[in-house]
Amino acid sequence: MREVELKAVLDSWSDARARLMKAGATANFAGRLEDRRYDTNDRSLASRDIVLRLRTYRDERGARAELEYKGPTGYERGYKVREEIGCTVLDPESIAVILAGLGYIVTRPIDRDIEQFELGEAMVRFERYPRMDDLVEVEGEPEALERAIAALGIPRGEFNADRLTDFAVRYEARTGKHAALSDADLSDTAPAVREL
């Protein structure tokens, strides 16, 4: 499956949500999203721009998770494009143990509270990190993606194909504060944002 996405800083979560709902979007998840990116000790996946990720969604009903492979990043007409293959897993804790047993380690945790919507063939996700700007991510084929961006009411020029790290670096430069992309990053001893 091909992932096509753009991101932007979200100035007003409530205003953007209201515009999205007015355009006919349906909410499909609100809760916690925890990503654990895995690699080998020598970072052999990162050196090839490959992501192995265990993604867990948590809300009042419980947890569900997906194990995902993301191929090298490409760019087409200003969109970030990657191959993405995933499967649903019922027991994320067991999958984490299996990955560790195979020699993989967590190289980057990412924690955020999210609201996720569908608008036509596009997915729109609002993301709030422990300490950084709120972001909005839009995924879908270009035409659907552009319709969702228009519905959000955020200027098109605010959206780009940058990596999460780029948003964190800009936040740090603008505010002078250490960006926290995970709960662990809130520690005073947490390392600076690394390449994602």
C-alpha atoms as a PDB file:
ATOM      1  CA  MET A   1       0.000   0.000   0.000  1.00  0.00           C
ATOM      2  CA  ARG A   2       1.204   3.507  -0.778  1.00  0.00           C
ATOM      3  CA  GLU A   3       1.160   6.178   1.933  1.00  0.00           C
ATOM      4  CA  VAL A   4       0.830   9.773   0.687  1.00  0.00           C
ATOM      5  CA  GLU A   5       0.830  12.453   3.387  1.00  0.00           C
ATOM      6  CA  LEU A   6       1.361  16.071   4.326  1.00  0.00           C
ATOM      7  CA  LYS A   7       1.589  17.740   7.748  1.00  0.00           C
ATOM      8  CA  ALA A   8       1.089  21.235   9.170  1.00  0.00           C
ATOM      9  CA  VAL A   9       1.139  22.990  12.519  1.00  0.00           C
ATOM     10  CA  LEU A  10      -2.389  23.138  13.924  1.00  0.00           C
ATOM     11  CA  ASP A  11      -3.087  26.589  15.375  1.00  0.00           C
ATOM     12  CA  SER A  12      -6.594  25.882  16.685  1.00  0.00           C
ATOM     13  CA  TRP A  13      -7.642  22.284  17.226  1.00  0.00           C
ATOM     14  CA  SER A  14     -11.264  23.216  17.989  1.00  0.00           C
ATOM     15  CA  ASP A  15     -11.673  25.554  14.996  1.00  0.00           C
ATOM     16  CA  ALA A  16     -10.153  23.047  12.561  1.00  0.00           C
ATOM     17  CA  ARG A  17     -12.326  20.248  14.006  1.00  0.00           C
ATOM     18  CA  ALA A  18     -15.465  22.363  13.585  1.00  0.00           C
ATOM     19  CA  ARG A  19     -14.623  23.145   9.937  1.00  0.00           C
ATOM     20  CA  LEU A  20     -13.830  19.502   9.247  1.00  0.00           C
ATOM     21  CA  MET A  21     -17.102  18.298  10.774  1.00  0.00           C
ATOM     22  CA  LYS A  22     -19.050  20.948   8.847  1.00  0.00           C
ATOM     23  CA  ALA A  23     -17.502  19.528   5.652  1.00  0.00           C
ATOM     24  CA  GLY A  24     -18.930  16.098   6.510  1.00  0.00           C
ATOM     25  CA  ALA A  25     -16.018  14.357   8.208  1.00  0.00           C
ATOM     26  CA  THR A  26     -16.664  11.463  10.547  1.00  0.00           C
ATOM     27  CA  ALA A  27     -14.623  10.926  13.704  1.00  0.00           C
ATOM     28  CA  ASN A  28     -13.251   7.398  13.996  1.00  0.00           C
ATOM     29  CA  PHE A  29     -10.867   7.553  16.974  1.00  0.00           C
ATOM     30  CA  ALA A  30      -9.991   9.803  19.916  1.00  0.00           C
ATOM     31  CA  GLY A  31      -7.417   8.718  22.458  1.00  0.00           C
ATOM     32  CA  ARG A  32      -3.758   7.904  22.891  1.00  0.00           C
ATOM     33  CA  LEU A  33      -1.432   6.849  20.065  1.00  0.00           C
ATOM     34  CA  GLU A  34       1.875   5.246  21.058  1.00  0.00           C
ATOM     35  CA  ASP A  35       4.496   4.442  18.436  1.00  0.00           C
ATOM     36  CA  ARG A  36       7.587   2.382  19.161  1.00  0.00           C
ATOM     37  CA  ARG A  37      10.122   2.419  16.364  1.00  0.00           C
ATOM     38  CA  TYR A  38      12.434  -0.575  16.263  1.00  0.00           C
ATOM     39  CA  ASP A  39      15.852  -1.116  14.739  1.00  0.00           C
ATOM     40  CA  THR A  40      18.989  -3.151  15.290  1.00  0.00           C
ATOM     41  CA  ASN A  41      21.880  -1.951  17.455  1.00  0.00           C
ATOM     42  CA  ASP A  42      23.771  -0.863  14.341  1.00  0.00           C
ATOM     43  CA  ARG A  43      20.680   0.973  12.974  1.00  0.00           C
ATOM     44  CA  SER A  44      20.613  -1.115   9.816  1.00  0.00           C
ATOM     45  CA  LEU A  45      16.953  -0.214   9.129  1.00  0.00           C
ATOM     46  CA  ALA A  46      17.452   3.536   9.580  1.00  0.00           C
ATOM     47  CA  SER A  47      20.506   3.451   7.306  1.00  0.00           C
ATOM     48  CA  ARG A  48      18.151   2.235   4.543  1.00  0.00           C
ATOM     49  CA  ASP A  49      15.341   4.678   5.546  1.00  0.00           C
ATOM     50  CA  ILE A  50      13.129   1.766   6.628  1.00  0.00           C
ATOM     51  CA  VAL A  51      10.783   1.950   9.611  1.00  0.00           C
ATOM     52  CA  LEU A  52       9.623  -1.015  11.695  1.00  0.00           C
ATOM     53  CA  ARG A  53       6.924   0.286  14.006  1.00  0.00           C
ATOM     54  CA  LEU A  54       4.556  -1.056  16.628  1.00  0.00           C
ATOM     55  CA  ARG A  55       1.648   1.405  16.852  1.00  0.00           C
ATOM     56  CA  THR A  56      -0.822   1.112  19.735  1.00  0.00           C
ATOM     57  CA  TYR A  57      -4.135   2.962  19.927  1.00  0.00           C
ATOM     58  CA  ARG A  58      -5.577   3.279  23.455  1.00  0.00           C
ATOM     59  CA  ASP A  59      -8.957   4.638  24.508  1.00  0.00           C
ATOM     60  CA  GLU A  60     -11.648   3.889  27.092  1.00  0.00           C
ATOM     61  CA  ARG A  61     -12.510   0.639  25.253  1.00  0.00           C
ATOM     62  CA  GLY A  62      -8.988  -0.752  25.511  1.00  0.00           C
ATOM     63  CA  ALA A  63      -6.073  -1.111  23.118  1.00  0.00           C
ATOM     64  CA  ARG A  64      -5.524  -2.235  19.565  1.00  0.00           C
ATOM     65  CA  ALA A  65      -2.216  -2.317  17.765  1.00  0.00           C
ATOM     66  CA  GLU A  66      -0.626  -2.556  14.348  1.00  0.00           C
ATOM     67  CA  LEU A  67       2.805  -3.802  13.341  1.00  0.00           C
ATOM     68  CA  GLU A  68       3.994  -1.822  10.336  1.00  0.00           C
ATOM     69  CA  TYR A  69       6.780  -1.718   7.794  1.00  0.00           C
ATOM     70  CA  LYS A  70       7.463   1.579   6.009  1.00  0.00           C
ATOM     71  CA  GLY A  71       9.756   1.625   3.007  1.00  0.00           C
ATOM     72  CA  PRO A  72      12.178   4.377   2.005  1.00  0.00           C
ATOM     73  CA  THR A  73      10.764   7.888   1.702  1.00  0.00           C
ATOM     74  CA  GLY A  74      10.103   9.310  -1.713  1.00  0.00           C
ATOM     75  CA  TYR A  75       8.698  12.644  -2.817  1.00  0.00           C
ATOM     76  CA  GLU A  76       6.270  13.135  -5.689  1.00  0.00           C
ATOM     77  CA  ARG A  77       4.983  16.578  -6.664  1.00  0.00           C
ATOM     78  CA  GLY A  78       5.628  17.856  -3.116  1.00  0.00           C
ATOM     79  CA  TYR A  79       3.967  14.903  -1.353  1.00  0.00           C
ATOM     80  CA  LYS A  80       5.776  12.512   0.969  1.00  0.00           C
ATOM     81  CA  VAL A  81       5.260   8.978  -0.373  1.00  0.00           C
ATOM     82  CA  ARG A  82       6.238   5.624   1.174  1.00  0.00           C
ATOM     83  CA  GLU A  83       5.300   2.007   0.841  1.00  0.00           C
ATOM     84  CA  GLU A  84       3.457   0.993   4.017  1.00  0.00           C
ATOM     85  CA  ILE A  85       2.398  -2.511   4.969  1.00  0.00           C
ATOM     86  CA  GLY A  86       0.810  -3.372   8.292  1.00  0.00           C
ATOM     87  CA  CYS A  87      -1.264  -5.875  10.149  1.00  0.00           C
ATOM     88  CA  THR A  88      -3.436  -5.717  13.237  1.00  0.00           C
ATOM     89  CA  VAL A  89      -2.073  -7.446  16.332  1.00  0.00           C
ATOM     90  CA  LEU A  90      -4.166  -8.407  19.337  1.00  0.00           C
ATOM     91  CA  ASP A  91      -1.394  -8.408  21.930  1.00  0.00           C
ATOM     92  CA  PRO A  92       1.113  -5.536  21.526  1.00  0.00           C
ATOM     93  CA  GLU A  93       3.065  -6.543  24.636  1.00  0.00           C
ATOM     94  CA  SER A  94       3.764 -10.010  23.196  1.00  0.00           C
ATOM     95  CA  ILE A  95       4.791  -8.537  19.847  1.00  0.00           C
ATOM     96  CA  ALA A  96       7.244  -6.251  21.683  1.00  0.00           C
ATOM     97  CA  VAL A  97       8.753  -9.299  23.398  1.00  0.00           C
ATOM     98  CA  ILE A  98       9.020 -11.124  20.053  1.00  0.00           C
ATOM     99  CA  LEU A  99      10.747  -8.139  18.432  1.00  0.00           C
ATOM    100  CA  ALA A 100      13.205  -7.923  21.339  1.00  0.00           C
ATOM    101  CA  GLY A 101      13.862 -11.654  21.063  1.00  0.00           C
ATOM    102  CA  LEU A 102      14.720 -11.167  17.383  1.00  0.00           C
ATOM    103  CA  GLY A 103      17.293  -8.538  18.342  1.00  0.00           C
ATOM    104  CA  TYR A 104      15.315  -5.368  17.705  1.00  0.00           C
ATOM    105  CA  ILE A 105      15.426  -2.473  20.166  1.00  0.00           C
ATOM    106  CA  VAL A 106      13.180   0.562  20.583  1.00  0.00           C
ATOM    107  CA  THR A 107      15.092   3.431  19.031  1.00  0.00           C
ATOM    108  CA  ARG A 108      12.358   6.038  19.223  1.00  0.00           C
ATOM    109  CA  PRO A 109       9.171   6.189  21.284  1.00  0.00           C
ATOM    110  CA  ILE A 110       6.521   8.668  20.114  1.00  0.00           C
ATOM    111  CA  ASP A 111       3.477   9.404  22.299  1.00  0.00           C
ATOM    112  CA  ARG A 112       0.567  11.680  21.500  1.00  0.00           C
ATOM    113  CA  ASP A 113      -3.105  12.278  22.077  1.00  0.00           C
ATOM    114  CA  ILE A 114      -5.028  12.256  18.829  1.00  0.00           C
ATOM    115  CA  GLU A 115      -8.359  12.707  17.134  1.00  0.00           C
ATOM    116  CA  GLN A 116      -8.696  10.944  13.806  1.00  0.00           C
ATOM    117  CA  PHE A 117     -11.276  11.594  11.097  1.00  0.00           C
ATOM    118  CA  GLU A 118     -12.281  10.389   7.663  1.00  0.00           C
ATOM    119  CA  LEU A 119     -13.345  12.842   5.009  1.00  0.00           C
ATOM    120  CA  GLY A 120     -14.133  11.064   1.777  1.00  0.00           C
ATOM    121  CA  GLU A 121     -11.076   8.991   0.935  1.00  0.00           C
ATOM    122  CA  ALA A 122      -8.744  11.026   3.174  1.00  0.00           C
ATOM    123  CA  MET A 123      -7.652  10.429   6.756  1.00  0.00           C
ATOM    124  CA  VAL A 124      -7.095  13.502   8.931  1.00  0.00           C
ATOM    125  CA  ARG A 125      -5.381  13.197  12.312  1.00  0.00           C
ATOM    126  CA  PHE A 126      -4.897  15.919  14.922  1.00  0.00           C
ATOM    127  CA  GLU A 127      -1.886  15.213  17.144  1.00  0.00           C
ATOM    128  CA  ARG A 128      -0.894  16.652  20.537  1.00  0.00           C
ATOM    129  CA  TYR A 129       2.596  15.732  21.747  1.00  0.00           C
ATOM    130  CA  PRO A 130       3.855  16.020  25.339  1.00  0.00           C
ATOM    131  CA  ARG A 131       5.672  19.271  24.441  1.00  0.00           C
ATOM    132  CA  MET A 132       5.607  20.574  20.894  1.00  0.00           C
ATOM    133  CA  ASP A 133       3.241  22.258  18.466  1.00  0.00           C
ATOM    134  CA  ASP A 134      -0.021  20.457  17.750  1.00  0.00           C
ATOM    135  CA  LEU A 135       0.106  18.984  14.257  1.00  0.00           C
ATOM    136  CA  VAL A 136      -2.421  17.869  11.666  1.00  0.00           C
ATOM    137  CA  GLU A 137      -1.561  15.045   9.285  1.00  0.00           C
ATOM    138  CA  VAL A 138      -3.560  14.358   6.147  1.00  0.00           C
ATOM    139  CA  GLU A 139      -3.220  11.067   4.242  1.00  0.00           C
ATOM    140  CA  GLY A 140      -4.800   9.890   1.025  1.00  0.00           C
ATOM    141  CA  GLU A 141      -4.378  10.097  -2.692  1.00  0.00           C
ATOM    142  CA  PRO A 142      -3.542  13.658  -3.767  1.00  0.00           C
ATOM    143  CA  GLU A 143      -7.049  14.694  -4.840  1.00  0.00           C
ATOM    144  CA  ALA A 144      -8.667  13.476  -1.599  1.00  0.00           C
ATOM    145  CA  LEU A 145      -5.829  14.927   0.430  1.00  0.00           C
ATOM    146  CA  GLU A 146      -6.259  18.359  -1.173  1.00  0.00           C
ATOM    147  CA  ARG A 147     -10.035  18.321  -0.520  1.00  0.00           C
ATOM    148  CA  ALA A 148      -9.377  17.557   3.160  1.00  0.00           C
ATOM    149  CA  ILE A 149      -6.822  20.368   3.408  1.00  0.00           C
ATOM    150  CA  ALA A 150      -9.336  22.800   1.898  1.00  0.00           C
ATOM    151  CA  ALA A 151     -11.975  21.666   4.414  1.00  0.00           C
ATOM    152  CA  LEU A 152      -9.577  22.267   7.328  1.00  0.00           C
ATOM    153  CA  GLY A 153      -9.326  25.947   6.400  1.00  0.00           C
ATOM    154  CA  ILE A 154      -5.564  26.003   6.977  1.00  0.00           C
ATOM    155  CA  PRO A 155      -3.634  27.756   4.177  1.00  0.00           C
ATOM    156  CA  ARG A 156      -2.265  25.180   1.716  1.00  0.00           C
ATOM    157  CA  GLY A 157       1.214  26.713   2.006  1.00  0.00           C
ATOM    158  CA  GLU A 158       1.348  25.658   5.667  1.00  0.00           C
ATOM    159  CA  PHE A 159       1.386  21.962   4.672  1.00  0.00           C
ATOM    160  CA  ASN A 160       4.590  20.188   3.734  1.00  0.00           C
ATOM    161  CA  ALA A 161       6.215  16.772   3.419  1.00  0.00           C
ATOM    162  CA  ASP A 162       8.697  17.333   6.262  1.00  0.00           C
ATOM    163  CA  ARG A 163       9.533  14.652   8.785  1.00  0.00           C
ATOM    164  CA  LEU A 164       8.361  14.909  12.395  1.00  0.00           C
ATOM    165  CA  THR A 165      11.950  15.718  13.370  1.00  0.00           C
ATOM    166  CA  ASP A 166      11.850  18.847  11.191  1.00  0.00           C
ATOM    167  CA  PHE A 167       8.753  20.108  13.034  1.00  0.00           C
ATOM    168  CA  ALA A 168      10.460  19.420  16.381  1.00  0.00           C
ATOM    169  CA  VAL A 169      13.635  21.261  15.364  1.00  0.00           C
ATOM    170  CA  ARG A 170      11.625  24.307  14.236  1.00  0.00           C
ATOM    171  CA  TYR A 171       9.684  24.256  17.522  1.00  0.00           C
ATOM    172  CA  GLU A 172      12.940  24.216  19.496  1.00  0.00           C
ATOM    173  CA  ALA A 173      14.453  27.037  17.421  1.00  0.00           C
ATOM    174  CA  ARG A 174      11.327  29.182  17.816  1.00  0.00           C
ATOM    175  CA  THR A 175      10.673  28.580  21.529  1.00  0.00           C
ATOM    176  CA  GLY A 176      14.070  27.686  22.990  1.00  0.00           C
ATOM    177  CA  LYS A 177      12.392  24.672  24.636  1.00  0.00           C
ATOM    178  CA  HIS A 178      13.302  21.007  24.228  1.00  0.00           C
ATOM    179  CA  ALA A 179      10.624  19.284  22.112  1.00  0.00           C
ATOM    180  CA  ALA A 180       9.117  16.225  23.801  1.00  0.00           C
ATOM    181  CA  LEU A 181       7.755  13.696  21.301  1.00  0.00           C
ATOM    182  CA  SER A 182       7.261  11.061  23.996  1.00  0.00           C
ATOM    183  CA  ASP A 183       6.572  10.983  27.701  1.00  0.00           C
ATOM    184  CA  ALA A 184      10.206   9.919  28.235  1.00  0.00           C
ATOM    185  CA  ASP A 185      11.378  13.104  26.487  1.00  0.00           C
ATOM    186  CA  LEU A 186       9.934  15.207  29.313  1.00  0.00           C
ATOM    187  CA  SER A 187      12.854  14.124  31.500  1.00  0.00           C
ATOM    188  CA  ASP A 188      15.619  16.695  31.987  1.00  0.00           C
ATOM    189  CA  THR A 189      18.122  14.018  30.963  1.00  0.00           C
ATOM    190  CA  ALA A 190      16.358  13.088  27.715  1.00  0.00           C
ATOM    191  CA  PRO A 191      18.548  13.434  24.618  1.00  0.00           C
ATOM    192  CA  ALA A 192      17.796  16.025  21.962  1.00  0.00           C
ATOM    193  CA  VAL A 193      15.401  15.046  19.203  1.00  0.00           C
ATOM    194  CA  ARG A 194      17.092  12.512  16.949  1.00  0.00           C
ATOM    195  CA  GLU A 195      16.482  11.727  13.331  1.00  0.00           C
ATOM    196  CA  LEU A 196      13.205   9.872  12.839  1.00  0.00           C
END
